[in-house]
Amino acid sequence: MTGPSGSNVVIQASTDPQTWIPLQTNLLGSGPLHFSGSNSPANRQRFNRAVLP
């Protein structure tokens, strides 16, 4: 993902698109931010999103 350099972005996860749980907060730099979620069998159907607070 990309966005304004110096901005914080929160990676969130959910098994139900109504309820989101923050996973990590990252500071965006000049290049893209790469995120890879867990491949755990418990997370077979999980949604991820990035939010600029």
C-alpha atoms as a PDB file:
ATOM      1  CA  MET A   1       0.000   0.000   0.000  1.00  0.00           C
ATOM      2  CA  THR A   2       1.090   3.568  -0.477  1.00  0.00           C
ATOM      3  CA  GLY A   3      -0.024   6.844   1.028  1.00  0.00           C
ATOM      4  CA  PRO A   4       1.280  10.182   2.229  1.00  0.00           C
ATOM      5  CA  SER A   5       4.874   9.789   3.448  1.00  0.00           C
ATOM      6  CA  GLY A   6       5.110  10.240   7.218  1.00  0.00           C
ATOM      7  CA  SER A   7       1.503   9.123   7.822  1.00  0.00           C
ATOM      8  CA  ASN A   8       0.583   6.335  10.194  1.00  0.00           C
ATOM      9  CA  VAL A   9      -1.469   3.462   8.819  1.00  0.00           C
ATOM     10  CA  VAL A  10      -3.265   0.871  10.960  1.00  0.00           C
ATOM     11  CA  ILE A  11      -3.598  -2.671   9.618  1.00  0.00           C
ATOM     12  CA  GLN A  12      -6.857  -4.205  10.846  1.00  0.00           C
ATOM     13  CA  ALA A  13      -8.331  -7.714  10.584  1.00  0.00           C
ATOM     14  CA  SER A  14     -11.823  -9.152  10.877  1.00  0.00           C
ATOM     15  CA  THR A  15     -13.704 -12.382  10.334  1.00  0.00           C
ATOM     16  CA  ASP A  16     -16.872 -10.279  10.161  1.00  0.00           C
ATOM     17  CA  PRO A  17     -16.598  -7.033   8.140  1.00  0.00           C
ATOM     18  CA  GLN A  18     -18.559  -5.256  10.888  1.00  0.00           C
ATOM     19  CA  THR A  19     -15.968  -5.704  13.684  1.00  0.00           C
ATOM     20  CA  TRP A  20     -12.305  -4.791  13.135  1.00  0.00           C
ATOM     21  CA  ILE A  21      -9.299  -5.536  15.364  1.00  0.00           C
ATOM     22  CA  PRO A  22      -6.057  -3.528  14.985  1.00  0.00           C
ATOM     23  CA  LEU A  23      -3.033  -5.739  14.243  1.00  0.00           C
ATOM     24  CA  GLN A  24      -0.229  -3.235  13.827  1.00  0.00           C
ATOM     25  CA  THR A  25       0.509   0.427  13.178  1.00  0.00           C
ATOM     26  CA  ASN A  26       3.125   1.445  10.624  1.00  0.00           C
ATOM     27  CA  LEU A  27       4.711   4.700   9.536  1.00  0.00           C
ATOM     28  CA  LEU A  28       4.563   5.137   5.772  1.00  0.00           C
ATOM     29  CA  GLY A  29       7.792   6.054   4.059  1.00  0.00           C
ATOM     30  CA  SER A  30       8.580   6.977   0.480  1.00  0.00           C
ATOM     31  CA  GLY A  31       8.140   3.398  -0.780  1.00  0.00           C
ATOM     32  CA  PRO A  32       5.293   0.892  -0.560  1.00  0.00           C
ATOM     33  CA  LEU A  33       4.418  -0.846   2.701  1.00  0.00           C
ATOM     34  CA  HIS A  34       4.109  -4.611   2.400  1.00  0.00           C
ATOM     35  CA  PHE A  35       1.894  -6.627   4.747  1.00  0.00           C
ATOM     36  CA  SER A  36       1.490 -10.391   4.948  1.00  0.00           C
ATOM     37  CA  GLY A  37      -1.143 -11.922   7.217  1.00  0.00           C
ATOM     38  CA  SER A  38      -1.028 -15.197   9.084  1.00  0.00           C
ATOM     39  CA  ASN A  39      -1.820 -18.396   7.189  1.00  0.00           C
ATOM     40  CA  SER A  40      -3.145 -20.081  10.323  1.00  0.00           C
ATOM     41  CA  PRO A  41      -6.046 -22.541   9.798  1.00  0.00           C
ATOM     42  CA  ALA A  42      -7.917 -20.540  12.446  1.00  0.00           C
ATOM     43  CA  ASN A  43      -7.859 -17.557  10.034  1.00  0.00           C
ATOM     44  CA  ARG A  44      -9.251 -19.295   6.963  1.00  0.00           C
ATOM     45  CA  GLN A  45     -11.679 -16.477   6.235  1.00  0.00           C
ATOM     46  CA  ARG A  46     -10.191 -13.231   7.450  1.00  0.00           C
ATOM     47  CA  PHE A  47     -10.439  -9.791   5.910  1.00  0.00           C
ATOM     48  CA  ASN A  48      -7.678  -7.186   6.159  1.00  0.00           C
ATOM     49  CA  ARG A  49      -7.770  -3.467   5.620  1.00  0.00           C
ATOM     50  CA  ALA A  50      -5.503  -0.462   6.063  1.00  0.00           C
ATOM     51  CA  VAL A  51      -6.815   2.705   7.711  1.00  0.00           C
ATOM     52  CA  LEU A  52      -5.260   6.144   7.891  1.00  0.00           C
ATOM     53  CA  PRO A  53      -6.333   7.408  11.335  1.00  0.00           C
END
